[in-house]
N, C-alpha and C. Protein backbone atom coordinates (compact mmCIF):
# COMPACT_ATOMS: atom_id res chain seq x y z
N UNK A 1 54.23 18.51 -34.26
CA UNK A 1 53.18 18.13 -33.30
C UNK A 1 52.90 19.29 -32.35
N UNK A 2 51.63 19.61 -32.16
CA UNK A 2 51.25 20.72 -31.29
C UNK A 2 51.49 20.37 -29.83
N UNK A 3 52.16 21.28 -29.11
CA UNK A 3 52.39 21.06 -27.68
C UNK A 3 51.07 21.16 -26.93
N UNK A 4 50.85 20.25 -26.01
CA UNK A 4 49.61 20.25 -25.23
C UNK A 4 49.64 21.36 -24.19
N UNK A 5 48.50 22.02 -24.00
CA UNK A 5 48.37 22.97 -22.90
C UNK A 5 48.11 22.22 -21.61
N UNK A 6 47.27 21.21 -21.67
CA UNK A 6 46.91 20.41 -20.49
C UNK A 6 47.21 18.95 -20.77
N UNK A 7 47.89 18.32 -19.83
CA UNK A 7 48.16 16.89 -19.93
C UNK A 7 47.99 16.27 -18.54
N UNK A 8 46.87 15.59 -18.35
CA UNK A 8 46.57 14.94 -17.07
C UNK A 8 46.44 13.44 -17.33
N UNK A 9 47.24 12.65 -16.61
CA UNK A 9 47.27 11.21 -16.89
C UNK A 9 46.97 10.38 -15.65
N UNK A 10 46.05 9.44 -15.82
CA UNK A 10 45.73 8.42 -14.82
C UNK A 10 45.48 9.01 -13.44
N UNK A 11 44.54 9.96 -13.37
CA UNK A 11 44.25 10.61 -12.09
C UNK A 11 43.33 9.75 -11.24
N UNK A 12 43.74 9.57 -9.98
CA UNK A 12 42.94 8.88 -8.98
C UNK A 12 42.73 9.83 -7.80
N UNK A 13 41.53 9.80 -7.24
CA UNK A 13 41.27 10.58 -6.03
C UNK A 13 40.24 9.83 -5.22
N UNK A 14 40.54 9.61 -3.95
CA UNK A 14 39.58 8.94 -3.08
C UNK A 14 39.43 9.71 -1.78
N UNK A 15 38.28 9.58 -1.18
CA UNK A 15 37.96 10.24 0.08
C UNK A 15 37.50 9.18 1.08
N UNK A 16 37.92 9.35 2.33
CA UNK A 16 37.52 8.42 3.38
C UNK A 16 36.64 9.12 4.40
N UNK A 17 35.60 8.44 4.83
CA UNK A 17 34.74 8.89 5.91
C UNK A 17 34.49 7.70 6.80
N UNK A 18 35.24 7.64 7.91
CA UNK A 18 35.17 6.46 8.76
C UNK A 18 35.77 5.28 8.03
N UNK A 19 34.99 4.21 7.92
CA UNK A 19 35.47 3.03 7.23
C UNK A 19 35.08 3.01 5.77
N UNK A 20 34.32 4.02 5.35
CA UNK A 20 33.89 4.06 3.95
C UNK A 20 34.87 4.84 3.09
N UNK A 21 35.09 4.37 1.88
CA UNK A 21 36.00 5.02 0.93
C UNK A 21 35.26 5.29 -0.37
N UNK A 22 35.32 6.52 -0.83
CA UNK A 22 34.68 6.90 -2.09
C UNK A 22 35.76 7.15 -3.13
N UNK A 23 35.65 6.48 -4.26
CA UNK A 23 36.59 6.68 -5.36
C UNK A 23 36.01 7.76 -6.27
N UNK A 24 36.49 8.99 -6.12
CA UNK A 24 35.95 10.11 -6.89
C UNK A 24 36.50 10.14 -8.31
N UNK A 25 37.77 9.76 -8.47
CA UNK A 25 38.39 9.65 -9.79
C UNK A 25 39.06 8.30 -9.89
N UNK A 26 38.86 7.64 -11.04
CA UNK A 26 39.41 6.29 -11.21
C UNK A 26 40.18 6.19 -12.52
N UNK A 27 41.40 6.73 -12.51
CA UNK A 27 42.27 6.60 -13.68
C UNK A 27 41.90 7.50 -14.84
N UNK A 28 41.51 8.74 -14.55
CA UNK A 28 41.05 9.67 -15.59
C UNK A 28 42.24 10.32 -16.30
N UNK A 29 42.21 10.30 -17.62
CA UNK A 29 43.22 10.97 -18.44
C UNK A 29 42.53 12.02 -19.31
N UNK A 30 43.11 13.20 -19.39
CA UNK A 30 42.53 14.29 -20.18
C UNK A 30 43.64 15.15 -20.74
N UNK A 31 43.57 15.42 -22.03
CA UNK A 31 44.52 16.31 -22.69
C UNK A 31 43.75 17.39 -23.45
N UNK A 32 44.35 18.56 -23.56
CA UNK A 32 43.73 19.66 -24.30
C UNK A 32 44.81 20.42 -25.07
N UNK A 33 44.53 20.71 -26.31
CA UNK A 33 45.45 21.42 -27.18
C UNK A 33 45.16 22.92 -27.18
N UNK A 34 46.09 23.73 -27.63
CA UNK A 34 45.82 25.17 -27.75
C UNK A 34 44.60 25.41 -28.64
N UNK A 35 43.72 26.29 -28.21
CA UNK A 35 42.56 26.65 -29.00
C UNK A 35 41.40 25.69 -28.91
N UNK A 36 41.49 24.67 -28.08
CA UNK A 36 40.44 23.66 -27.99
C UNK A 36 39.52 23.92 -26.81
N UNK A 37 38.22 23.75 -27.03
CA UNK A 37 37.24 23.81 -25.95
C UNK A 37 36.71 22.40 -25.71
N UNK A 38 36.90 21.93 -24.48
CA UNK A 38 36.45 20.59 -24.10
C UNK A 38 35.35 20.73 -23.05
N UNK A 39 34.20 20.13 -23.30
CA UNK A 39 33.11 20.13 -22.32
C UNK A 39 33.09 18.80 -21.60
N UNK A 40 32.99 18.85 -20.27
CA UNK A 40 32.90 17.65 -19.44
C UNK A 40 31.51 17.62 -18.83
N UNK A 41 30.76 16.57 -19.12
CA UNK A 41 29.39 16.44 -18.64
C UNK A 41 29.26 15.19 -17.77
N UNK A 42 28.11 15.03 -17.17
CA UNK A 42 27.85 13.85 -16.34
C UNK A 42 26.95 14.22 -15.18
N UNK A 43 26.34 13.23 -14.55
CA UNK A 43 25.42 13.49 -13.44
C UNK A 43 26.16 14.04 -12.23
N UNK A 44 25.41 14.65 -11.32
CA UNK A 44 25.99 15.13 -10.07
C UNK A 44 26.63 13.96 -9.32
N UNK A 45 27.82 14.21 -8.75
CA UNK A 45 28.52 13.17 -8.02
C UNK A 45 29.36 12.26 -8.88
N UNK A 46 29.50 12.59 -10.16
CA UNK A 46 30.27 11.71 -11.06
C UNK A 46 31.76 11.97 -11.01
N UNK A 47 32.18 13.07 -10.34
CA UNK A 47 33.61 13.36 -10.22
C UNK A 47 34.08 14.57 -11.00
N UNK A 48 33.17 15.29 -11.62
CA UNK A 48 33.55 16.40 -12.50
C UNK A 48 34.27 17.51 -11.73
N UNK A 49 33.70 17.95 -10.63
CA UNK A 49 34.31 19.04 -9.87
C UNK A 49 35.62 18.60 -9.22
N UNK A 50 35.68 17.34 -8.76
CA UNK A 50 36.94 16.82 -8.23
C UNK A 50 38.02 16.86 -9.30
N UNK A 51 37.65 16.50 -10.52
CA UNK A 51 38.60 16.55 -11.64
C UNK A 51 39.09 17.97 -11.85
N UNK A 52 38.17 18.93 -11.91
CA UNK A 52 38.58 20.32 -12.13
C UNK A 52 39.50 20.80 -11.02
N UNK A 53 39.20 20.46 -9.77
CA UNK A 53 40.06 20.90 -8.66
C UNK A 53 41.46 20.33 -8.78
N UNK A 54 41.58 19.09 -9.25
CA UNK A 54 42.91 18.49 -9.44
C UNK A 54 43.63 19.15 -10.63
N UNK A 55 42.91 19.45 -11.69
CA UNK A 55 43.53 20.10 -12.85
C UNK A 55 44.03 21.49 -12.49
N UNK A 56 43.31 22.18 -11.60
CA UNK A 56 43.68 23.54 -11.21
C UNK A 56 44.73 23.59 -10.12
N UNK A 57 45.06 22.44 -9.55
CA UNK A 57 46.00 22.45 -8.42
C UNK A 57 45.36 22.90 -7.13
N UNK A 58 44.03 22.94 -7.08
CA UNK A 58 43.32 23.28 -5.86
C UNK A 58 43.21 22.06 -4.94
N UNK A 59 43.38 20.89 -5.54
CA UNK A 59 43.37 19.63 -4.79
C UNK A 59 44.45 18.74 -5.40
N UNK A 60 44.95 17.81 -4.61
CA UNK A 60 45.99 16.91 -5.09
C UNK A 60 45.41 15.54 -5.42
N UNK A 61 45.71 15.01 -6.61
CA UNK A 61 45.28 13.63 -6.89
C UNK A 61 46.08 12.65 -6.03
N UNK A 62 45.45 11.53 -5.71
CA UNK A 62 46.15 10.49 -4.96
C UNK A 62 47.05 9.66 -5.87
N UNK A 63 46.81 9.75 -7.15
CA UNK A 63 47.66 9.09 -8.13
C UNK A 63 47.56 9.80 -9.45
N UNK A 64 48.61 9.70 -10.27
CA UNK A 64 48.61 10.38 -11.56
C UNK A 64 49.24 11.76 -11.49
N UNK A 65 49.39 12.39 -12.64
CA UNK A 65 50.06 13.69 -12.72
C UNK A 65 49.27 14.66 -13.60
N UNK A 66 49.44 15.95 -13.31
CA UNK A 66 48.84 17.02 -14.11
C UNK A 66 49.94 17.98 -14.53
N UNK A 67 50.01 18.26 -15.82
CA UNK A 67 50.94 19.26 -16.35
C UNK A 67 50.15 20.32 -17.11
N UNK A 68 50.51 21.58 -16.87
CA UNK A 68 49.88 22.70 -17.56
C UNK A 68 50.98 23.55 -18.17
N UNK A 69 50.87 23.81 -19.47
CA UNK A 69 51.89 24.59 -20.20
C UNK A 69 53.28 23.98 -20.00
N UNK A 70 53.33 22.66 -19.93
CA UNK A 70 54.60 21.95 -19.81
C UNK A 70 55.14 21.82 -18.40
N UNK A 71 54.49 22.43 -17.42
CA UNK A 71 54.98 22.38 -16.04
C UNK A 71 54.08 21.50 -15.19
N UNK A 72 54.69 20.66 -14.37
CA UNK A 72 53.92 19.79 -13.49
C UNK A 72 53.35 20.61 -12.34
N UNK A 73 52.04 20.53 -12.17
CA UNK A 73 51.38 21.27 -11.08
C UNK A 73 50.98 20.34 -9.95
N UNK A 74 50.86 19.06 -10.21
CA UNK A 74 50.47 18.11 -9.17
C UNK A 74 51.67 17.69 -8.34
N UNK A 75 51.38 17.26 -7.10
CA UNK A 75 52.40 16.74 -6.18
C UNK A 75 53.52 17.76 -5.94
N UNK A 76 53.10 18.98 -5.68
CA UNK A 76 54.02 20.05 -5.31
C UNK A 76 53.44 20.76 -4.09
N UNK A 77 54.29 21.56 -3.45
CA UNK A 77 53.83 22.33 -2.30
C UNK A 77 52.72 23.29 -2.74
N UNK A 78 51.81 23.59 -1.83
CA UNK A 78 50.69 24.48 -2.14
C UNK A 78 51.17 25.83 -2.67
N UNK A 79 52.24 26.37 -2.09
CA UNK A 79 52.78 27.65 -2.55
C UNK A 79 53.20 27.58 -4.02
N UNK A 80 53.82 26.47 -4.42
CA UNK A 80 54.25 26.31 -5.80
C UNK A 80 53.06 26.12 -6.72
N UNK A 81 52.08 25.35 -6.27
CA UNK A 81 50.87 25.16 -7.09
C UNK A 81 50.15 26.48 -7.29
N UNK A 82 50.08 27.28 -6.24
CA UNK A 82 49.41 28.58 -6.35
C UNK A 82 50.11 29.49 -7.34
N UNK A 83 51.44 29.49 -7.32
CA UNK A 83 52.19 30.33 -8.24
C UNK A 83 51.98 29.88 -9.69
N UNK A 84 51.99 28.57 -9.92
CA UNK A 84 51.77 28.05 -11.27
C UNK A 84 50.34 28.34 -11.73
N UNK A 85 49.39 28.20 -10.82
CA UNK A 85 48.00 28.49 -11.17
C UNK A 85 47.84 29.95 -11.57
N UNK A 86 48.46 30.86 -10.82
CA UNK A 86 48.36 32.29 -11.14
C UNK A 86 48.97 32.59 -12.51
N UNK A 87 50.04 31.87 -12.85
CA UNK A 87 50.76 32.14 -14.09
C UNK A 87 50.09 31.55 -15.32
N UNK A 88 49.49 30.35 -15.16
CA UNK A 88 49.05 29.61 -16.34
C UNK A 88 47.56 29.34 -16.44
N UNK A 89 46.81 29.47 -15.33
CA UNK A 89 45.43 28.99 -15.30
C UNK A 89 44.47 30.09 -14.87
N UNK A 90 43.37 30.20 -15.57
CA UNK A 90 42.26 31.03 -15.14
C UNK A 90 41.12 30.12 -14.72
N UNK A 91 40.63 30.28 -13.50
CA UNK A 91 39.57 29.42 -12.98
C UNK A 91 38.28 30.23 -12.85
N UNK A 92 37.23 29.71 -13.45
CA UNK A 92 35.93 30.40 -13.43
C UNK A 92 34.91 29.48 -12.76
N UNK A 93 34.45 29.89 -11.58
CA UNK A 93 33.45 29.12 -10.86
C UNK A 93 32.07 29.68 -11.15
N UNK A 94 31.05 28.88 -10.82
CA UNK A 94 29.67 29.34 -10.96
C UNK A 94 29.44 30.57 -10.08
N UNK A 95 30.10 30.59 -8.93
CA UNK A 95 30.08 31.74 -8.04
C UNK A 95 31.42 31.76 -7.31
N UNK A 96 31.61 32.72 -6.42
CA UNK A 96 32.82 32.81 -5.60
C UNK A 96 34.07 33.20 -6.39
N UNK A 97 33.90 33.78 -7.58
CA UNK A 97 35.08 34.24 -8.31
C UNK A 97 35.53 35.62 -7.86
N UNK A 98 34.68 36.30 -7.08
CA UNK A 98 34.96 37.68 -6.71
C UNK A 98 35.08 37.82 -5.19
N UNK A 99 36.01 38.65 -4.76
CA UNK A 99 36.16 38.98 -3.34
C UNK A 99 35.12 40.02 -2.99
N UNK A 100 34.30 39.73 -1.97
CA UNK A 100 33.10 40.52 -1.71
C UNK A 100 33.37 42.00 -1.44
N UNK A 101 34.45 42.31 -0.71
CA UNK A 101 34.65 43.70 -0.29
C UNK A 101 35.47 44.53 -1.28
N UNK A 102 35.81 43.94 -2.44
CA UNK A 102 36.57 44.67 -3.47
C UNK A 102 35.68 44.96 -4.67
N UNK A 103 35.93 46.09 -5.30
CA UNK A 103 35.22 46.41 -6.54
C UNK A 103 35.65 45.44 -7.63
N UNK A 104 34.91 45.43 -8.72
CA UNK A 104 35.26 44.57 -9.85
C UNK A 104 36.67 44.91 -10.35
N UNK A 105 36.95 46.20 -10.47
CA UNK A 105 38.29 46.64 -10.91
C UNK A 105 39.38 46.12 -9.97
N UNK A 106 39.14 46.22 -8.67
CA UNK A 106 40.14 45.80 -7.70
C UNK A 106 40.28 44.27 -7.63
N UNK A 107 39.20 43.55 -7.93
CA UNK A 107 39.30 42.09 -8.03
C UNK A 107 40.27 41.69 -9.14
N UNK A 108 40.19 42.38 -10.25
CA UNK A 108 41.10 42.10 -11.36
C UNK A 108 42.53 42.47 -10.99
N UNK A 109 42.70 43.62 -10.36
CA UNK A 109 44.04 44.07 -9.95
C UNK A 109 44.67 43.10 -8.96
N UNK A 110 43.85 42.55 -8.06
CA UNK A 110 44.36 41.60 -7.07
C UNK A 110 44.96 40.37 -7.76
N UNK A 111 44.26 39.84 -8.74
CA UNK A 111 44.75 38.66 -9.46
C UNK A 111 46.02 39.00 -10.25
N UNK A 112 46.04 40.17 -10.86
CA UNK A 112 47.19 40.53 -11.68
C UNK A 112 48.45 40.80 -10.86
N UNK A 113 48.29 41.19 -9.62
CA UNK A 113 49.46 41.42 -8.76
C UNK A 113 50.18 40.13 -8.40
N UNK A 114 49.52 39.00 -8.59
CA UNK A 114 50.12 37.72 -8.24
C UNK A 114 51.17 37.26 -9.25
N UNK A 115 51.17 37.85 -10.43
CA UNK A 115 52.11 37.45 -11.48
C UNK A 115 53.03 38.62 -11.81
N UNK A 116 54.32 38.42 -11.62
CA UNK A 116 55.30 39.46 -11.92
C UNK A 116 55.92 39.24 -13.30
N UNK A 117 56.45 40.31 -13.85
CA UNK A 117 57.14 40.21 -15.12
C UNK A 117 56.23 40.11 -16.32
N UNK A 118 54.95 40.39 -16.16
CA UNK A 118 54.01 40.33 -17.27
C UNK A 118 53.17 41.60 -17.26
N UNK A 119 53.14 42.29 -18.38
CA UNK A 119 52.37 43.52 -18.44
C UNK A 119 50.88 43.20 -18.38
N UNK A 120 50.17 43.69 -17.37
CA UNK A 120 48.76 43.35 -17.24
C UNK A 120 47.89 44.08 -18.26
N UNK A 121 46.82 43.41 -18.65
CA UNK A 121 45.81 44.06 -19.49
C UNK A 121 45.01 45.00 -18.60
N UNK A 122 44.83 46.26 -18.99
CA UNK A 122 44.04 47.17 -18.15
C UNK A 122 42.67 46.60 -17.81
N UNK A 123 42.26 46.77 -16.55
CA UNK A 123 40.99 46.21 -16.10
C UNK A 123 39.83 46.70 -16.97
N UNK A 124 39.86 47.98 -17.34
CA UNK A 124 38.77 48.52 -18.14
C UNK A 124 38.68 47.83 -19.50
N UNK A 125 39.84 47.45 -20.06
CA UNK A 125 39.83 46.75 -21.35
C UNK A 125 39.21 45.36 -21.21
N UNK A 126 39.56 44.66 -20.13
CA UNK A 126 38.96 43.35 -19.88
C UNK A 126 37.45 43.46 -19.70
N UNK A 127 37.04 44.46 -18.93
CA UNK A 127 35.61 44.63 -18.68
C UNK A 127 34.88 45.08 -19.93
N UNK A 128 35.56 45.80 -20.80
CA UNK A 128 34.99 46.19 -22.08
C UNK A 128 34.73 44.94 -22.92
N UNK A 129 35.67 43.99 -22.89
CA UNK A 129 35.52 42.75 -23.65
C UNK A 129 34.30 41.96 -23.20
N UNK A 130 34.03 41.98 -21.90
CA UNK A 130 32.88 41.21 -21.40
C UNK A 130 31.61 42.06 -21.29
N UNK A 131 31.71 43.32 -21.70
CA UNK A 131 30.52 44.16 -21.81
C UNK A 131 30.03 44.82 -20.54
N UNK A 132 30.91 44.98 -19.53
CA UNK A 132 30.46 45.64 -18.28
C UNK A 132 31.49 46.67 -17.82
N UNK A 133 32.06 47.40 -18.74
CA UNK A 133 33.05 48.42 -18.39
C UNK A 133 32.48 49.44 -17.41
N UNK A 134 31.20 49.73 -17.56
CA UNK A 134 30.58 50.74 -16.70
C UNK A 134 30.35 50.25 -15.26
N UNK A 135 30.65 48.98 -15.00
CA UNK A 135 30.46 48.41 -13.66
C UNK A 135 31.80 48.18 -12.95
N UNK A 136 32.85 48.79 -13.45
CA UNK A 136 34.19 48.57 -12.89
C UNK A 136 34.27 48.91 -11.41
N UNK A 137 33.55 49.95 -10.97
CA UNK A 137 33.62 50.38 -9.58
C UNK A 137 32.62 49.72 -8.67
N UNK A 138 31.80 48.81 -9.21
CA UNK A 138 30.75 48.18 -8.41
C UNK A 138 31.31 47.06 -7.54
N UNK A 139 30.69 46.86 -6.38
CA UNK A 139 30.99 45.71 -5.54
C UNK A 139 30.21 44.50 -6.03
N UNK A 140 30.69 43.29 -5.76
CA UNK A 140 29.99 42.09 -6.23
C UNK A 140 28.51 42.05 -5.88
N UNK A 141 28.15 42.52 -4.67
CA UNK A 141 26.74 42.47 -4.25
C UNK A 141 25.86 43.43 -5.05
N UNK A 142 26.48 44.36 -5.75
CA UNK A 142 25.73 45.32 -6.55
C UNK A 142 25.51 44.86 -7.99
N UNK A 143 26.04 43.67 -8.34
CA UNK A 143 25.95 43.16 -9.69
C UNK A 143 24.75 42.23 -9.85
N UNK A 144 24.17 42.21 -11.03
CA UNK A 144 23.16 41.21 -11.35
C UNK A 144 23.86 39.87 -11.58
N UNK A 145 23.07 38.81 -11.71
CA UNK A 145 23.67 37.50 -11.95
C UNK A 145 24.50 37.46 -13.22
N UNK A 146 23.98 38.07 -14.28
CA UNK A 146 24.70 38.10 -15.54
C UNK A 146 25.97 38.93 -15.46
N UNK A 147 25.88 40.06 -14.78
CA UNK A 147 27.07 40.91 -14.61
C UNK A 147 28.14 40.20 -13.78
N UNK A 148 27.72 39.49 -12.73
CA UNK A 148 28.67 38.77 -11.89
C UNK A 148 29.37 37.67 -12.68
N UNK A 149 28.63 36.99 -13.55
CA UNK A 149 29.23 35.93 -14.38
C UNK A 149 30.29 36.51 -15.31
N UNK A 150 29.98 37.68 -15.89
CA UNK A 150 30.94 38.29 -16.82
C UNK A 150 32.13 38.89 -16.08
N UNK A 151 31.88 39.42 -14.88
CA UNK A 151 32.99 39.93 -14.07
C UNK A 151 33.91 38.79 -13.66
N UNK A 152 33.32 37.63 -13.29
CA UNK A 152 34.12 36.47 -12.95
C UNK A 152 34.96 36.00 -14.11
N UNK A 153 34.40 36.08 -15.32
CA UNK A 153 35.16 35.71 -16.51
C UNK A 153 36.32 36.67 -16.73
N UNK A 154 36.10 37.96 -16.52
CA UNK A 154 37.18 38.94 -16.65
C UNK A 154 38.31 38.64 -15.68
N UNK A 155 37.96 38.25 -14.45
CA UNK A 155 38.98 37.88 -13.46
C UNK A 155 39.74 36.65 -13.92
N UNK A 156 39.03 35.65 -14.45
CA UNK A 156 39.68 34.42 -14.90
C UNK A 156 40.63 34.68 -16.07
N UNK A 157 40.35 35.68 -16.87
CA UNK A 157 41.17 35.98 -18.04
C UNK A 157 42.22 37.05 -17.77
N UNK A 158 42.29 37.54 -16.55
CA UNK A 158 43.10 38.73 -16.24
C UNK A 158 44.58 38.55 -16.55
N UNK A 159 45.10 37.33 -16.43
CA UNK A 159 46.53 37.10 -16.66
C UNK A 159 46.81 36.37 -17.97
N UNK A 160 45.87 36.47 -18.92
CA UNK A 160 46.04 35.83 -20.23
C UNK A 160 46.48 34.38 -20.07
N UNK A 161 45.68 33.55 -19.38
CA UNK A 161 46.10 32.18 -19.05
C UNK A 161 46.19 31.28 -20.27
N UNK A 162 47.06 30.28 -20.17
CA UNK A 162 47.16 29.27 -21.22
C UNK A 162 45.97 28.32 -21.16
N UNK A 163 45.39 28.17 -19.96
CA UNK A 163 44.29 27.25 -19.74
C UNK A 163 43.21 27.92 -18.91
N UNK A 164 41.97 27.81 -19.36
CA UNK A 164 40.81 28.27 -18.58
C UNK A 164 40.02 27.03 -18.15
N UNK A 165 39.77 26.94 -16.85
CA UNK A 165 38.95 25.88 -16.28
C UNK A 165 37.68 26.50 -15.73
N UNK A 166 36.53 26.06 -16.21
CA UNK A 166 35.27 26.68 -15.81
C UNK A 166 34.31 25.63 -15.27
N UNK A 167 33.76 25.89 -14.09
CA UNK A 167 32.82 24.97 -13.43
C UNK A 167 31.43 25.59 -13.46
N UNK A 168 30.56 25.06 -14.32
CA UNK A 168 29.19 25.56 -14.48
C UNK A 168 29.17 27.09 -14.63
N UNK A 169 29.92 27.65 -15.59
CA UNK A 169 30.02 29.11 -15.68
C UNK A 169 28.73 29.79 -16.10
N UNK A 170 27.78 29.03 -16.67
CA UNK A 170 26.52 29.64 -17.13
C UNK A 170 25.33 29.07 -16.37
N UNK A 171 25.58 28.45 -15.22
CA UNK A 171 24.51 27.76 -14.51
C UNK A 171 23.46 28.67 -13.91
N UNK A 172 23.80 29.95 -13.67
CA UNK A 172 22.86 30.84 -13.01
C UNK A 172 22.56 32.10 -13.83
N UNK A 173 22.70 32.00 -15.15
CA UNK A 173 22.47 33.17 -15.99
C UNK A 173 21.41 32.87 -17.04
N UNK A 174 20.91 33.94 -17.65
CA UNK A 174 19.89 33.77 -18.69
C UNK A 174 20.55 33.36 -20.01
N UNK A 175 19.70 33.05 -20.98
CA UNK A 175 20.19 32.55 -22.26
C UNK A 175 21.10 33.52 -22.98
N UNK A 176 20.78 34.80 -22.94
CA UNK A 176 21.59 35.80 -23.63
C UNK A 176 22.98 35.90 -22.99
N UNK A 177 23.04 35.91 -21.67
CA UNK A 177 24.34 35.97 -21.00
C UNK A 177 25.14 34.70 -21.27
N UNK A 178 24.46 33.55 -21.30
CA UNK A 178 25.16 32.30 -21.62
C UNK A 178 25.79 32.37 -23.00
N UNK A 179 25.07 32.89 -23.97
CA UNK A 179 25.62 33.03 -25.33
C UNK A 179 26.82 33.96 -25.34
N UNK A 180 26.73 35.04 -24.57
CA UNK A 180 27.84 35.99 -24.52
C UNK A 180 29.08 35.35 -23.89
N UNK A 181 28.89 34.64 -22.78
CA UNK A 181 30.02 33.99 -22.11
C UNK A 181 30.66 32.95 -23.02
N UNK A 182 29.85 32.15 -23.70
CA UNK A 182 30.39 31.13 -24.60
C UNK A 182 31.12 31.76 -25.78
N UNK A 183 30.60 32.87 -26.28
CA UNK A 183 31.28 33.57 -27.38
C UNK A 183 32.63 34.10 -26.93
N UNK A 184 32.70 34.60 -25.69
CA UNK A 184 33.96 35.11 -25.17
C UNK A 184 34.97 33.98 -24.95
N UNK A 185 34.50 32.82 -24.49
CA UNK A 185 35.39 31.68 -24.34
C UNK A 185 35.90 31.22 -25.70
N UNK A 186 35.04 31.21 -26.71
CA UNK A 186 35.48 30.84 -28.06
C UNK A 186 36.48 31.85 -28.60
N UNK A 187 36.23 33.12 -28.34
CA UNK A 187 37.17 34.16 -28.78
C UNK A 187 38.53 33.97 -28.11
N UNK A 188 38.52 33.64 -26.81
CA UNK A 188 39.78 33.41 -26.11
C UNK A 188 40.48 32.17 -26.66
N UNK A 189 39.71 31.14 -26.96
CA UNK A 189 40.30 29.92 -27.53
C UNK A 189 40.96 30.22 -28.87
N UNK A 190 40.40 31.14 -29.63
CA UNK A 190 40.97 31.46 -30.94
C UNK A 190 42.35 32.07 -30.84
N UNK A 191 42.74 32.54 -29.65
CA UNK A 191 44.08 33.09 -29.45
C UNK A 191 45.07 32.02 -28.98
N UNK A 192 44.59 30.77 -28.80
CA UNK A 192 45.47 29.69 -28.39
C UNK A 192 45.25 29.16 -27.00
N UNK A 193 44.33 29.75 -26.26
CA UNK A 193 44.02 29.26 -24.92
C UNK A 193 43.20 27.98 -25.01
N UNK A 194 43.51 27.01 -24.17
CA UNK A 194 42.69 25.81 -24.06
C UNK A 194 41.64 26.03 -22.98
N UNK A 195 40.44 25.52 -23.21
CA UNK A 195 39.32 25.74 -22.29
C UNK A 195 38.69 24.39 -21.94
N UNK A 196 38.54 24.13 -20.65
CA UNK A 196 37.82 22.94 -20.18
C UNK A 196 36.64 23.42 -19.35
N UNK A 197 35.43 23.05 -19.77
CA UNK A 197 34.21 23.52 -19.12
C UNK A 197 33.42 22.35 -18.56
N UNK A 198 33.11 22.40 -17.28
CA UNK A 198 32.23 21.43 -16.66
C UNK A 198 30.83 22.02 -16.66
N UNK A 199 29.89 21.30 -17.24
CA UNK A 199 28.56 21.89 -17.37
C UNK A 199 27.51 20.83 -17.68
N UNK A 200 26.26 21.12 -17.28
CA UNK A 200 25.11 20.33 -17.68
C UNK A 200 24.39 20.96 -18.87
N UNK A 201 24.87 22.11 -19.33
CA UNK A 201 24.17 22.88 -20.35
C UNK A 201 24.35 22.28 -21.75
N UNK A 202 23.26 22.14 -22.47
CA UNK A 202 23.34 21.69 -23.86
C UNK A 202 24.02 22.72 -24.74
N UNK A 203 23.84 24.00 -24.40
CA UNK A 203 24.47 25.06 -25.19
C UNK A 203 26.00 24.99 -25.07
N UNK A 204 26.49 24.70 -23.87
CA UNK A 204 27.93 24.55 -23.67
C UNK A 204 28.45 23.36 -24.48
N UNK A 205 27.74 22.23 -24.41
CA UNK A 205 28.16 21.05 -25.16
C UNK A 205 28.18 21.33 -26.66
N UNK A 206 27.17 22.07 -27.15
CA UNK A 206 27.10 22.38 -28.57
C UNK A 206 28.23 23.30 -29.01
N UNK A 207 28.74 24.13 -28.09
CA UNK A 207 29.79 25.09 -28.43
C UNK A 207 31.18 24.47 -28.35
N UNK A 208 31.29 23.28 -27.76
CA UNK A 208 32.60 22.67 -27.53
C UNK A 208 33.11 21.93 -28.76
N UNK A 209 34.43 21.76 -28.81
CA UNK A 209 35.04 20.95 -29.86
C UNK A 209 34.95 19.47 -29.54
N UNK A 210 34.99 19.14 -28.25
CA UNK A 210 34.85 17.76 -27.78
C UNK A 210 33.96 17.74 -26.56
N UNK A 211 33.18 16.69 -26.43
CA UNK A 211 32.33 16.50 -25.25
C UNK A 211 32.68 15.16 -24.63
N UNK A 212 33.06 15.17 -23.35
CA UNK A 212 33.40 13.95 -22.62
C UNK A 212 32.41 13.78 -21.47
N UNK A 213 32.00 12.55 -21.24
CA UNK A 213 31.00 12.29 -20.20
C UNK A 213 31.60 11.43 -19.09
N UNK A 214 31.37 11.85 -17.85
CA UNK A 214 31.85 11.11 -16.68
C UNK A 214 30.70 10.39 -15.98
N UNK A 215 31.05 9.27 -15.42
CA UNK A 215 30.14 8.57 -14.50
C UNK A 215 30.98 7.74 -13.54
N UNK A 216 30.71 7.90 -12.26
CA UNK A 216 31.43 7.15 -11.22
C UNK A 216 32.94 7.32 -11.33
N UNK A 217 33.37 8.54 -11.61
CA UNK A 217 34.80 8.84 -11.61
C UNK A 217 35.57 8.34 -12.82
N UNK A 218 34.85 7.96 -13.88
CA UNK A 218 35.49 7.47 -15.10
C UNK A 218 34.82 8.08 -16.32
N UNK A 219 35.54 8.04 -17.44
CA UNK A 219 34.92 8.44 -18.70
C UNK A 219 33.97 7.35 -19.15
N UNK A 220 32.83 7.76 -19.67
CA UNK A 220 31.87 6.80 -20.23
C UNK A 220 32.24 6.60 -21.69
């Protein structure tokens, strides 16, 4: 039996504002195997981003557990969650993947310094894979939308993660860049990485091995 890269069971998350309570996640379970690409779709406000934040250890579920590469990441101190995230997870956001005052090369180096005992892939090699090696010295503000998306992907892949979590990674790019990003995610999956992508894009859904739809914090 193949060991799961991601195992999230019965996740609940609620938010309170005064006397009102919003149930963002209502008993969501999600598993992903090595080499699998899972697309999560659904309308805005359905709980997709809350789910990704809990899977990444950026937020804590109010109930349920998340394990990545066999290690529990939920219900731990933030310092421990951060260390596990650096070791096992690459997170790709629609934006905000890059530190504004650092070059693309230095953004990659910053992420790689967080993990000890692992030989880092040279930044230029990562940027070569995503097709922007010549932009290694550029600052984020000097990049086009497509270049920024590919630079963010290079940062997410910098530590050869077991799991890649992507939130609308192609939401602000043209069709050609979307195809390139999806091809790179498929290439990474072929090495055994599991990929979970939150997206409204039909192209992302078509490229996935499984498509799951959320509504009101539950699977439809």
